[in-house]
C-alpha atoms as a PDB file:
ATOM      1  CA  MET A   1       0.430 -98.848 107.981  1.00  0.00           C
ATOM      2  CA  ASN A   2       2.912 -96.147 108.931  1.00  0.00           C
ATOM      3  CA  ILE A   3       4.561 -96.755 112.298  1.00  0.00           C
ATOM      4  CA  LEU A   4       6.786 -94.580 114.461  1.00  0.00           C
ATOM      5  CA  VAL A   5       9.350 -96.499 116.499  1.00  0.00           C
ATOM      6  CA  THR A   6      11.005 -94.428 119.206  1.00  0.00           C
ATOM      7  CA  GLY A   7      14.395 -95.601 120.417  1.00  0.00           C
ATOM      8  CA  GLY A   8      14.789 -97.692 117.291  1.00  0.00           C
ATOM      9  CA  ASN A   9      18.580 -97.689 117.421  1.00  0.00           C
ATOM     10  CA  GLY A  10      18.619 -99.436 120.774  1.00  0.00           C
ATOM     11  CA  PHE A  11      18.967-103.168 121.300  1.00  0.00           C
ATOM     12  CA  ILE A  12      15.320-104.258 121.164  1.00  0.00           C
ATOM     13  CA  GLY A  13      14.157-101.410 118.939  1.00  0.00           C
ATOM     14  CA  SER A  14      16.684-102.133 116.186  1.00  0.00           C
ATOM     15  CA  ASN A  15      15.843-105.832 116.214  1.00  0.00           C
ATOM     16  CA  PHE A  16      12.146-104.962 116.012  1.00  0.00           C
ATOM     17  CA  ILE A  17      12.654-102.652 113.032  1.00  0.00           C
ATOM     18  CA  ARG A  18      14.504-105.412 111.195  1.00  0.00           C
ATOM     19  CA  TYR A  19      11.682-107.814 111.990  1.00  0.00           C
ATOM     20  CA  VAL A  20       8.966-105.438 110.739  1.00  0.00           C
ATOM     21  CA  LEU A  21      10.781-104.608 107.497  1.00  0.00           C
ATOM     22  CA  LYS A  22      11.319-108.318 106.836  1.00  0.00           C
ATOM     23  CA  ASN A  23       7.839-109.532 107.748  1.00  0.00           C
ATOM     24  CA  SER A  24       5.464-106.784 106.629  1.00  0.00           C
ATOM     25  CA  ASP A  25       4.915-103.984 104.146  1.00  0.00           C
ATOM     26  CA  TYR A  26       4.675-101.361 106.900  1.00  0.00           C
ATOM     27  CA  ASN A  27       6.555 -98.085 106.574  1.00  0.00           C
ATOM     28  CA  VAL A  28       8.816 -97.435 109.577  1.00  0.00           C
ATOM     29  CA  VAL A  29      10.012 -94.094 110.923  1.00  0.00           C
ATOM     30  CA  ASN A  30      12.707 -94.403 113.586  1.00  0.00           C
ATOM     31  CA  LEU A  31      13.187 -91.538 116.051  1.00  0.00           C
ATOM     32  CA  ASP A  32      16.290 -91.842 118.229  1.00  0.00           C
ATOM     33  CA  LEU A  33      18.475 -89.403 120.151  1.00  0.00           C
ATOM     34  CA  LEU A  34      21.480 -91.744 119.808  1.00  0.00           C
ATOM     35  CA  THR A  35      22.485 -91.671 123.458  1.00  0.00           C
ATOM     36  CA  TYR A  36      24.945 -94.270 124.784  1.00  0.00           C
ATOM     37  CA  ALA A  37      22.405 -97.086 124.231  1.00  0.00           C
ATOM     38  CA  GLY A  38      21.279 -95.885 120.806  1.00  0.00           C
ATOM     39  CA  ASN A  39      23.919 -97.245 118.470  1.00  0.00           C
ATOM     40  CA  ARG A  40      23.717 -95.839 114.942  1.00  0.00           C
ATOM     41  CA  ASN A  41      25.674 -98.867 113.703  1.00  0.00           C
ATOM     42  CA  ASN A  42      22.780-101.143 114.656  1.00  0.00           C
ATOM     43  CA  LEU A  43      20.861-100.203 111.513  1.00  0.00           C
ATOM     44  CA  LEU A  44      23.515 -98.881 109.130  1.00  0.00           C
ATOM     45  CA  ASP A  45      23.025-101.858 106.819  1.00  0.00           C
ATOM     46  CA  VAL A  46      19.261-101.296 106.518  1.00  0.00           C
ATOM     47  CA  ASN A  47      18.537-100.006 103.037  1.00  0.00           C
ATOM     48  CA  SER A  48      14.822 -99.819 102.369  1.00  0.00           C
ATOM     49  CA  HIS A  49      12.448 -97.273 100.898  1.00  0.00           C
ATOM     50  CA  LYS A  50      10.108 -98.247 103.757  1.00  0.00           C
ATOM     51  CA  TYR A  51      12.533 -96.987 106.412  1.00  0.00           C
ATOM     52  CA  GLU A  52      13.344 -93.452 107.586  1.00  0.00           C
ATOM     53  CA  PHE A  53      15.660 -92.383 110.407  1.00  0.00           C
ATOM     54  CA  ILE A  54      15.184 -89.116 112.293  1.00  0.00           C
ATOM     55  CA  TYR A  55      17.550 -87.848 114.967  1.00  0.00           C
ATOM     56  CA  GLY A  56      15.669 -86.319 117.869  1.00  0.00           C
ATOM     57  CA  ASP A  57      14.307 -86.373 121.404  1.00  0.00           C
ATOM     58  CA  ILE A  58      10.928 -87.838 122.406  1.00  0.00           C
ATOM     59  CA  ASN A  59      10.534 -84.871 124.786  1.00  0.00           C
ATOM     60  CA  ASN A  60      10.387 -82.540 121.776  1.00  0.00           C
ATOM     61  CA  GLU A  61       6.626 -82.386 121.207  1.00  0.00           C
ATOM     62  CA  ASP A  62       6.903 -80.099 118.190  1.00  0.00           C
ATOM     63  CA  LEU A  63       9.103 -82.669 116.489  1.00  0.00           C
ATOM     64  CA  ILE A  64       6.729 -85.521 117.395  1.00  0.00           C
ATOM     65  CA  ASN A  65       3.807 -83.578 115.961  1.00  0.00           C
ATOM     66  CA  LEU A  66       5.768 -82.851 112.765  1.00  0.00           C
ATOM     67  CA  ILE A  67       6.708 -86.509 112.290  1.00  0.00           C
ATOM     68  CA  ILE A  68       3.174 -87.763 112.864  1.00  0.00           C
ATOM     69  CA  ASN A  69       1.752 -85.406 110.257  1.00  0.00           C
ATOM     70  CA  LYS A  70       4.551 -85.565 107.706  1.00  0.00           C
ATOM     71  CA  PHE A  71       4.591 -89.369 107.601  1.00  0.00           C
ATOM     72  CA  ASN A  72       0.887 -89.970 108.331  1.00  0.00           C
ATOM     73  CA  ILE A  73       1.762 -92.074 111.360  1.00  0.00           C
ATOM     74  CA  ASN A  74      -0.930 -94.559 112.446  1.00  0.00           C
ATOM     75  CA  VAL A  75       0.876 -96.342 115.276  1.00  0.00           C
ATOM     76  CA  ILE A  76       3.546 -95.411 117.817  1.00  0.00           C
ATOM     77  CA  LEU A  77       5.694 -98.033 119.547  1.00  0.00           C
ATOM     78  CA  ASN A  78       7.695 -96.516 122.394  1.00  0.00           C
ATOM     79  CA  PHE A  79      10.975 -98.381 122.907  1.00  0.00           C
ATOM     80  CA  ALA A  80      12.880 -95.242 123.909  1.00  0.00           C
ATOM     81  CA  ALA A  81      14.239 -95.595 127.434  1.00  0.00           C
ATOM     82  CA  GLU A  82      17.227 -95.336 129.679  1.00  0.00           C
ATOM     83  CA  SER A  83      17.423 -98.925 130.872  1.00  0.00           C
ATOM     84  CA  HIS A  84      20.546 -99.720 132.889  1.00  0.00           C
ATOM     85  CA  VAL A  85      19.765-100.174 136.590  1.00  0.00           C
ATOM     86  CA  ASP A  86      23.283 -99.306 137.788  1.00  0.00           C
ATOM     87  CA  ARG A  87      23.191 -96.031 135.866  1.00  0.00           C
ATOM     88  CA  SER A  88      19.773 -95.222 137.353  1.00  0.00           C
ATOM     89  CA  ILE A  89      21.138 -95.682 140.874  1.00  0.00           C
ATOM     90  CA  GLU A  90      23.984 -93.256 140.165  1.00  0.00           C
ATOM     91  CA  GLY A  91      21.867 -90.688 138.298  1.00  0.00           C
ATOM     92  CA  PRO A  92      18.075 -91.123 138.545  1.00  0.00           C
ATOM     93  CA  LYS A  93      17.047 -87.779 137.042  1.00  0.00           C
ATOM     94  CA  LEU A  94      17.780 -88.683 133.411  1.00  0.00           C
ATOM     95  CA  PHE A  95      15.707 -91.852 133.749  1.00  0.00           C
ATOM     96  CA  PHE A  96      12.615 -89.941 134.794  1.00  0.00           C
ATOM     97  CA  GLU A  97      13.150 -87.277 132.139  1.00  0.00           C
ATOM     98  CA  THR A  98      13.313 -89.890 129.376  1.00  0.00           C
ATOM     99  CA  ASN A  99      11.198 -92.778 130.596  1.00  0.00           C
ATOM    100  CA  LEU A 100       8.398 -90.852 132.287  1.00  0.00           C
ATOM    101  CA  MET A 101       8.268 -87.352 130.829  1.00  0.00           C
ATOM    102  CA  GLY A 102       9.248 -88.585 127.377  1.00  0.00           C
ATOM    103  CA  THR A 103       6.324 -90.998 127.440  1.00  0.00           C
ATOM    104  CA  GLN A 104       4.006 -88.184 128.469  1.00  0.00           C
ATOM    105  CA  SER A 105       5.178 -86.087 125.512  1.00  0.00           C
ATOM    106  CA  LEU A 106       4.469 -88.965 123.138  1.00  0.00           C
ATOM    107  CA  LEU A 107       1.053 -89.581 124.683  1.00  0.00           C
ATOM    108  CA  ASN A 108       0.110 -85.912 124.361  1.00  0.00           C
ATOM    109  CA  GLN A 109       0.919 -85.801 120.663  1.00  0.00           C
ATOM    110  CA  ALA A 110      -0.570 -89.230 119.971  1.00  0.00           C
ATOM    111  CA  LYS A 111      -3.831 -88.123 121.577  1.00  0.00           C
ATOM    112  CA  LYS A 112      -3.800 -84.754 119.808  1.00  0.00           C
ATOM    113  CA  ASN A 113      -3.340 -86.429 116.426  1.00  0.00           C
ATOM    114  CA  SER A 114      -5.775 -89.319 117.038  1.00  0.00           C
ATOM    115  CA  ILE A 115      -3.225 -92.102 116.645  1.00  0.00           C
ATOM    116  CA  ASP A 116      -4.842 -95.505 116.032  1.00  0.00           C
ATOM    117  CA  ARG A 117      -2.621 -97.436 118.440  1.00  0.00           C
ATOM    118  CA  PHE A 118       0.080 -96.720 121.027  1.00  0.00           C
ATOM    119  CA  ILE A 119       2.229 -99.556 122.386  1.00  0.00           C
ATOM    120  CA  GLN A 120       4.349 -98.946 125.466  1.00  0.00           C
ATOM    121  CA  ILE A 121       7.316-101.329 125.685  1.00  0.00           C
ATOM    122  CA  SER A 122       7.868-101.971 129.385  1.00  0.00           C
ATOM    123  CA  THR A 123       9.585-104.478 131.659  1.00  0.00           C
ATOM    124  CA  ASP A 124       8.808-107.127 134.274  1.00  0.00           C
ATOM    125  CA  GLU A 125      11.015-105.143 136.662  1.00  0.00           C
ATOM    126  CA  VAL A 126       8.000-102.923 137.426  1.00  0.00           C
ATOM    127  CA  TYR A 127       6.620-105.852 139.461  1.00  0.00           C
ATOM    128  CA  GLY A 128       9.657-106.015 141.736  1.00  0.00           C
ATOM    129  CA  SER A 129      10.931-109.346 143.054  1.00  0.00           C
ATOM    130  CA  ILE A 130       8.903-112.537 143.534  1.00  0.00           C
ATOM    131  CA  GLU A 131       9.287-115.622 145.689  1.00  0.00           C
ATOM    132  CA  ASN A 132      10.070-119.062 144.286  1.00  0.00           C
ATOM    133  CA  GLY A 133       7.046-120.900 142.932  1.00  0.00           C
ATOM    134  CA  ASN A 134       5.099-117.772 141.998  1.00  0.00           C
ATOM    135  CA  HIS A 135       4.884-115.838 138.719  1.00  0.00           C
ATOM    136  CA  PHE A 136       3.980-112.291 137.773  1.00  0.00           C
ATOM    137  CA  SER A 137       0.642-111.947 136.000  1.00  0.00           C
ATOM    138  CA  GLU A 138      -0.667-108.812 134.324  1.00  0.00           C
ATOM    139  CA  SER A 139      -2.719-108.098 137.469  1.00  0.00           C
ATOM    140  CA  SER A 140       0.260-108.338 139.847  1.00  0.00           C
ATOM    141  CA  PRO A 141       0.823-105.130 141.823  1.00  0.00           C
ATOM    142  CA  LEU A 142       3.617-102.817 140.703  1.00  0.00           C
ATOM    143  CA  LYS A 143       6.434-102.778 143.272  1.00  0.00           C
ATOM    144  CA  PRO A 144       9.503-101.323 141.528  1.00  0.00           C
ATOM    145  CA  ASN A 145      12.745-101.407 143.521  1.00  0.00           C
ATOM    146  CA  SER A 146      15.094 -99.190 141.493  1.00  0.00           C
ATOM    147  CA  PRO A 147      14.906 -95.711 139.965  1.00  0.00           C
ATOM    148  CA  TYR A 148      14.884 -97.374 136.527  1.00  0.00           C
ATOM    149  CA  SER A 149      11.976 -99.686 137.242  1.00  0.00           C
ATOM    150  CA  SER A 150      10.012 -96.976 139.050  1.00  0.00           C
ATOM    151  CA  SER A 151      10.382 -94.667 136.035  1.00  0.00           C
ATOM    152  CA  LYS A 152       9.040 -97.450 133.797  1.00  0.00           C
ATOM    153  CA  ALA A 153       6.179 -98.173 136.204  1.00  0.00           C
ATOM    154  CA  GLY A 154       5.273 -94.491 136.160  1.00  0.00           C
ATOM    155  CA  ALA A 155       5.199 -94.502 132.367  1.00  0.00           C
ATOM    156  CA  ASP A 156       2.947 -97.573 132.383  1.00  0.00           C
ATOM    157  CA  LEU A 157       0.543 -95.811 134.719  1.00  0.00           C
ATOM    158  CA  LEU A 158       0.507 -92.788 132.435  1.00  0.00           C
ATOM    159  CA  VAL A 159      -0.528 -94.983 129.499  1.00  0.00           C
ATOM    160  CA  ARG A 160      -3.226 -96.601 131.630  1.00  0.00           C
ATOM    161  CA  SER A 161      -4.518 -93.194 132.756  1.00  0.00           C
ATOM    162  CA  TYR A 162      -4.803 -91.964 129.173  1.00  0.00           C
ATOM    163  CA  TYR A 163      -6.774 -95.080 128.262  1.00  0.00           C
ATOM    164  CA  LYS A 164      -9.119 -94.669 131.215  1.00  0.00           C
ATOM    165  CA  THR A 165      -9.515 -90.888 130.999  1.00  0.00           C
ATOM    166  CA  TYR A 166      -9.483 -90.234 127.253  1.00  0.00           C
ATOM    167  CA  ASP A 167     -10.402 -93.639 125.791  1.00  0.00           C
ATOM    168  CA  PHE A 168      -6.869 -93.596 124.359  1.00  0.00           C
ATOM    169  CA  PRO A 169      -5.796 -96.667 122.322  1.00  0.00           C
ATOM    170  CA  GLY A 170      -2.887 -97.619 124.576  1.00  0.00           C
ATOM    171  CA  ILE A 171      -1.441-101.095 125.120  1.00  0.00           C
ATOM    172  CA  ILE A 172       1.398-102.088 127.472  1.00  0.00           C
ATOM    173  CA  THR A 173       3.816-104.990 127.033  1.00  0.00           C
ATOM    174  CA  ARG A 174       6.093-106.149 129.859  1.00  0.00           C
ATOM    175  CA  CYS A 175       8.991-108.415 128.956  1.00  0.00           C
ATOM    176  CA  SER A 176      11.465-110.496 130.904  1.00  0.00           C
ATOM    177  CA  ASN A 177      15.259-110.184 130.488  1.00  0.00           C
ATOM    178  CA  ASN A 178      16.190-109.970 126.809  1.00  0.00           C
ATOM    179  CA  TYR A 179      19.371-111.216 125.177  1.00  0.00           C
ATOM    180  CA  GLY A 180      20.640-111.495 121.610  1.00  0.00           C
ATOM    181  CA  PRO A 181      22.514-109.523 118.923  1.00  0.00           C
ATOM    182  CA  TYR A 182      23.163-105.778 119.253  1.00  0.00           C
ATOM    183  CA  GLN A 183      22.782-105.639 123.050  1.00  0.00           C
ATOM    184  CA  HIS A 184      24.924-102.987 124.729  1.00  0.00           C
ATOM    185  CA  PRO A 185      28.042-104.545 126.343  1.00  0.00           C
ATOM    186  CA  GLU A 186      27.151-103.108 129.752  1.00  0.00           C
ATOM    187  CA  LYS A 187      24.421-105.777 130.049  1.00  0.00           C
ATOM    188  CA  LEU A 188      25.175-109.128 131.672  1.00  0.00           C
ATOM    189  CA  ILE A 189      25.523-111.538 128.735  1.00  0.00           C
ATOM    190  CA  PRO A 190      27.518-109.317 126.329  1.00  0.00           C
ATOM    191  CA  MET A 191      29.582-108.011 129.260  1.00  0.00           C
ATOM    192  CA  VAL A 192      30.560-111.555 130.250  1.00  0.00           C
ATOM    193  CA  ILE A 193      31.408-112.466 126.645  1.00  0.00           C
ATOM    194  CA  LYS A 194      33.555-109.361 126.211  1.00  0.00           C
ATOM    195  CA  LYS A 195      35.457-109.717 129.472  1.00  0.00           C
ATOM    196  CA  ALA A 196      35.926-113.482 129.177  1.00  0.00           C
ATOM    197  CA  LEU A 197      37.462-113.126 125.726  1.00  0.00           C
ATOM    198  CA  ARG A 198      39.944-110.646 127.233  1.00  0.00           C
ATOM    199  CA  ASP A 199      40.571-112.843 130.307  1.00  0.00           C
ATOM    200  CA  GLU A 200      39.318-110.049 132.546  1.00  0.00           C
ATOM    201  CA  LYS A 201      37.662-110.599 135.902  1.00  0.00           C
ATOM    202  CA  LEU A 202      33.873-111.002 135.804  1.00  0.00           C
ATOM    203  CA  PRO A 203      32.163-109.075 138.633  1.00  0.00           C
ATOM    204  CA  VAL A 204      29.208-111.029 140.033  1.00  0.00           C
ATOM    205  CA  TYR A 205      26.794-109.302 142.429  1.00  0.00           C
ATOM    206  CA  GLY A 206      26.308-111.049 145.782  1.00  0.00           C
ATOM    207  CA  ASP A 207      26.144-114.835 145.430  1.00  0.00           C
ATOM    208  CA  GLY A 208      25.103-114.661 141.758  1.00  0.00           C
ATOM    209  CA  LYS A 209      21.946-116.649 142.414  1.00  0.00           C
ATOM    210  CA  GLN A 210      19.538-113.951 141.267  1.00  0.00           C
ATOM    211  CA  ILE A 211      17.098-115.663 138.908  1.00  0.00           C
ATOM    212  CA  ARG A 212      15.923-114.152 135.629  1.00  0.00           C
ATOM    213  CA  ASP A 213      13.590-115.400 132.900  1.00  0.00           C
ATOM    214  CA  TRP A 214      15.657-115.109 129.708  1.00  0.00           C
ATOM    215  CA  LEU A 215      13.837-114.116 126.505  1.00  0.00           C
ATOM    216  CA  HIS A 216      15.572-114.087 123.136  1.00  0.00           C
ATOM    217  CA  VAL A 217      15.052-110.752 121.402  1.00  0.00           C
ATOM    218  CA  ASP A 218      13.671-112.464 118.277  1.00  0.00           C
ATOM    219  CA  ASP A 219      10.867-114.007 120.327  1.00  0.00           C
ATOM    220  CA  HIS A 220      10.234-110.630 121.934  1.00  0.00           C
ATOM    221  CA  CYS A 221       9.959-108.922 118.550  1.00  0.00           C
ATOM    222  CA  LYS A 222       7.467-111.531 117.334  1.00  0.00           C
ATOM    223  CA  ALA A 223       5.406-110.977 120.478  1.00  0.00           C
ATOM    224  CA  ILE A 224       5.313-107.200 120.020  1.00  0.00           C
ATOM    225  CA  PHE A 225       4.379-107.625 116.357  1.00  0.00           C
ATOM    226  CA  THR A 226       1.558-109.951 117.429  1.00  0.00           C
ATOM    227  CA  VAL A 227       0.300-107.358 119.908  1.00  0.00           C
ATOM    228  CA  LEU A 228       0.584-104.660 117.261  1.00  0.00           C
ATOM    229  CA  LYS A 229      -1.727-106.606 114.945  1.00  0.00           C
ATOM    230  CA  TYR A 230      -4.110-108.321 117.344  1.00  0.00           C
ATOM    231  CA  GLY A 231      -3.783-106.838 120.838  1.00  0.00           C
ATOM    232  CA  ASN A 232      -6.740-105.224 122.570  1.00  0.00           C
ATOM    233  CA  GLU A 233      -6.690-101.594 123.650  1.00  0.00           C
ATOM    234  CA  GLY A 234      -6.240-100.961 127.353  1.00  0.00           C
ATOM    235  CA  GLU A 235      -4.620-104.346 127.951  1.00  0.00           C
ATOM    236  CA  VAL A 236      -1.280-105.371 129.437  1.00  0.00           C
ATOM    237  CA  TYR A 237       0.561-108.362 127.957  1.00  0.00           C
ATOM    238  CA  ASN A 238       3.420-110.132 129.724  1.00  0.00           C
ATOM    239  CA  ILE A 239       6.153-111.558 127.478  1.00  0.00           C
ATOM    240  CA  GLY A 240       8.431-114.205 128.970  1.00  0.00           C
ATOM    241  CA  GLY A 241      10.902-116.750 127.645  1.00  0.00           C
ATOM    242  CA  ASN A 242      10.131-119.688 129.975  1.00  0.00           C
ATOM    243  CA  ASN A 243      13.869-119.837 130.755  1.00  0.00           C
ATOM    244  CA  GLU A 244      14.417-119.191 134.474  1.00  0.00           C
ATOM    245  CA  ILE A 245      18.156-119.346 135.131  1.00  0.00           C
ATOM    246  CA  ALA A 246      20.366-117.958 137.901  1.00  0.00           C
ATOM    247  CA  ASN A 247      22.874-115.322 136.787  1.00  0.00           C
ATOM    248  CA  ILE A 248      25.830-117.412 137.939  1.00  0.00           C
ATOM    249  CA  GLU A 249      24.686-120.332 135.777  1.00  0.00           C
ATOM    250  CA  VAL A 250      24.406-118.038 132.748  1.00  0.00           C
ATOM    251  CA  ILE A 251      27.972-116.873 133.374  1.00  0.00           C
ATOM    252  CA  LYS A 252      29.315-120.405 133.784  1.00  0.00           C
ATOM    253  CA  ASN A 253      27.505-121.481 130.617  1.00  0.00           C
ATOM    254  CA  ILE A 254      29.285-118.752 128.655  1.00  0.00           C
ATOM    255  CA  LEU A 255      32.669-119.586 130.193  1.00  0.00           C
ATOM    256  CA  ARG A 256      32.269-123.249 129.240  1.00  0.00           C
ATOM    257  CA  TYR A 257      31.355-122.309 125.677  1.00  0.00           C
ATOM    258  CA  LEU A 258      34.423-120.061 125.404  1.00  0.00           C
ATOM    259  CA  ASN A 259      36.641-122.617 127.162  1.00  0.00           C
ATOM    260  CA  LYS A 260      37.503-120.127 129.898  1.00  0.00           C
ATOM    261  CA  SER A 261      38.202-120.804 133.580  1.00  0.00           C
ATOM    262  CA  TYR A 262      35.664-120.196 136.340  1.00  0.00           C
ATOM    263  CA  ASP A 263      38.563-118.439 138.081  1.00  0.00           C
ATOM    264  CA  LEU A 264      37.589-115.325 136.140  1.00  0.00           C
ATOM    265  CA  ILE A 265      34.488-115.040 138.347  1.00  0.00           C
ATOM    266  CA  GLU A 266      34.860-112.409 141.061  1.00  0.00           C
ATOM    267  CA  TYR A 267      32.063-111.997 143.613  1.00  0.00           C
ATOM    268  CA  VAL A 268      31.434-108.375 144.578  1.00  0.00           C
ATOM    269  CA  LYS A 269      29.121-106.506 146.931  1.00  0.00           C
ATOM    270  CA  ASP A 270      25.494-106.861 145.882  1.00  0.00           C
ATOM    271  CA  ARG A 271      23.755-104.016 144.085  1.00  0.00           C
ATOM    272  CA  LYS A 272      21.451-101.723 146.071  1.00  0.00           C
ATOM    273  CA  GLY A 273      17.813-102.802 145.808  1.00  0.00           C
ATOM    274  CA  HIS A 274      18.772-105.876 143.781  1.00  0.00           C
ATOM    275  CA  ASP A 275      15.710-107.984 142.961  1.00  0.00           C
ATOM    276  CA  ARG A 276      16.204-111.662 143.760  1.00  0.00           C
ATOM    277  CA  ARG A 277      13.925-113.321 141.222  1.00  0.00           C
ATOM    278  CA  TYR A 278      11.813-112.407 138.217  1.00  0.00           C
ATOM    279  CA  ALA A 279       9.359-114.929 136.813  1.00  0.00           C
ATOM    280  CA  ILE A 280       6.698-113.993 134.321  1.00  0.00           C
ATOM    281  CA  ASP A 281       3.445-115.663 133.302  1.00  0.00           C
ATOM    282  CA  SER A 282       2.848-115.223 129.550  1.00  0.00           C
ATOM    283  CA  SER A 283      -0.270-117.400 129.368  1.00  0.00           C
ATOM    284  CA  LYS A 284      -2.539-114.460 128.544  1.00  0.00           C
ATOM    285  CA  LEU A 285      -0.559-113.680 125.394  1.00  0.00           C
ATOM    286  CA  LYS A 286      -0.524-117.356 124.451  1.00  0.00           C
ATOM    287  CA  ASN A 287      -4.219-118.009 125.110  1.00  0.00           C
ATOM    288  CA  GLU A 288      -5.617-114.786 123.655  1.00  0.00           C
ATOM    289  CA  LEU A 289      -3.237-113.986 120.782  1.00  0.00           C
ATOM    290  CA  GLY A 290      -1.518-117.310 120.056  1.00  0.00           C
ATOM    291  CA  TRP A 291       2.082-116.282 120.772  1.00  0.00           C
ATOM    292  CA  GLU A 292       4.642-118.330 122.673  1.00  0.00           C
ATOM    293  CA  PRO A 293       8.461-118.300 122.674  1.00  0.00           C
ATOM    294  CA  GLU A 294      10.274-120.527 120.194  1.00  0.00           C
ATOM    295  CA  GLN A 295      13.894-120.240 121.350  1.00  0.00           C
ATOM    296  CA  THR A 296      15.312-122.503 124.024  1.00  0.00           C
ATOM    297  CA  PHE A 297      18.019-120.843 126.074  1.00  0.00           C
ATOM    298  CA  GLU A 298      20.618-123.328 124.830  1.00  0.00           C
ATOM    299  CA  LYS A 299      19.872-122.519 121.201  1.00  0.00           C
ATOM    300  CA  GLY A 300      19.498-118.794 121.808  1.00  0.00           C
ATOM    301  CA  ILE A 301      22.675-118.346 123.837  1.00  0.00           C
ATOM    302  CA  ASN A 302      24.744-120.263 121.272  1.00  0.00           C
ATOM    303  CA  HIS A 303      23.389-118.002 118.521  1.00  0.00           C
ATOM    304  CA  THR A 304      24.138-114.943 120.650  1.00  0.00           C
ATOM    305  CA  LEU A 305      27.670-116.054 121.477  1.00  0.00           C
ATOM    306  CA  ASN A 306      28.445-116.673 117.811  1.00  0.00           C
ATOM    307  CA  TRP A 307      27.111-113.235 116.879  1.00  0.00           C
ATOM    308  CA  TYR A 308      29.376-111.459 119.381  1.00  0.00           C
ATOM    309  CA  LEU A 309      32.372-113.561 118.353  1.00  0.00           C
ATOM    310  CA  ASN A 310      31.780-112.551 114.728  1.00  0.00           C
ATOM    311  CA  ASN A 311      31.123-108.881 115.494  1.00  0.00           C
ATOM    312  CA  ALA A 312      33.994-107.838 117.761  1.00  0.00           C
ATOM    313  CA  SER A 313      34.348-104.555 115.881  1.00  0.00           C
ATOM    314  CA  TRP A 314      30.777-103.614 116.819  1.00  0.00           C
ATOM    315  CA  VAL A 315      31.636-103.983 120.509  1.00  0.00           C
ATOM    316  CA  GLU A 316      34.780-101.897 120.040  1.00  0.00           C
ATOM    317  CA  ASP A 317      32.803 -99.127 118.339  1.00  0.00           C
ATOM    318  CA  VAL A 318      30.277 -99.036 121.183  1.00  0.00           C
ATOM    319  CA  GLU A 319      33.049 -98.824 123.770  1.00  0.00           C
ATOM    320  CA  LYS A 320      34.836 -96.033 121.931  1.00  0.00           C
ATOM    321  CA  ASN A 321      31.574 -94.080 121.451  1.00  0.00           C
ATOM    322  CA  ARG A 322      32.092 -94.028 117.720  1.00  0.00           C
ATOM    323  CA  CYS A 323      28.448 -94.852 117.156  1.00  0.00           C
END
């Protein structure tokens, strides 16, 4: 199988490429524009005849067509996305250009070239917020509350429309909050690690009691690989970690591990449109395809903390835009 991974130098994409190269004989082509979230250093140590990197934009349909034909691509997995909610609030346009129009460009060329399978990597944020005691299922209505999540919801609907209209082999996965190695330091967990090590104040939105379901990126990659092999066309699969934890508890956990004072915590004005709770039901993926998460949060966060402690230079490179 020859697969095209878009956004493969990002956090989840780079971890997925490593997983595929380690656990299969698939050939992988990685297309990435290397924006702020696409760190070239994420895959510099990958040396395999099964791997090819191409610099480029998913909105460039001529390039997509060339790649598909040159490398005999069978499957496209679209990880490429602008993903930081704060950035989407400040500048929404780029998010719709990449997340929505970029997906349309990929769909057009995938359809034109009769791709066997197209997997859209999405997020539970498309569902909006949910009350305590309830969980998002694949049939939950889409109620995005930020420009980022609305751009992802729009892309999901595009994939669905291609399946319904053209009998296109599209599949959508929606994951909960990921954490693990190679995550950009603007995200909560690596941001807290970085600032705590420097004894800098840790800004916490509102009361910090926003609840997220934390999914280790390794479990996420295994889930996507399972969907790649066994998922059914036209379906949506939720991927959750079964680790619902309030943001403030995640922060305190990290501070305890690093032996840092809670005095570093600084409560700030809540973010606009901030969702209160995400909680995802992954039973469909478990019952139909046999996947379930393996990492407990305690084990996963300790692994993540150790990785960042041992890779301080990676964080510095990201901050200095040397990637």
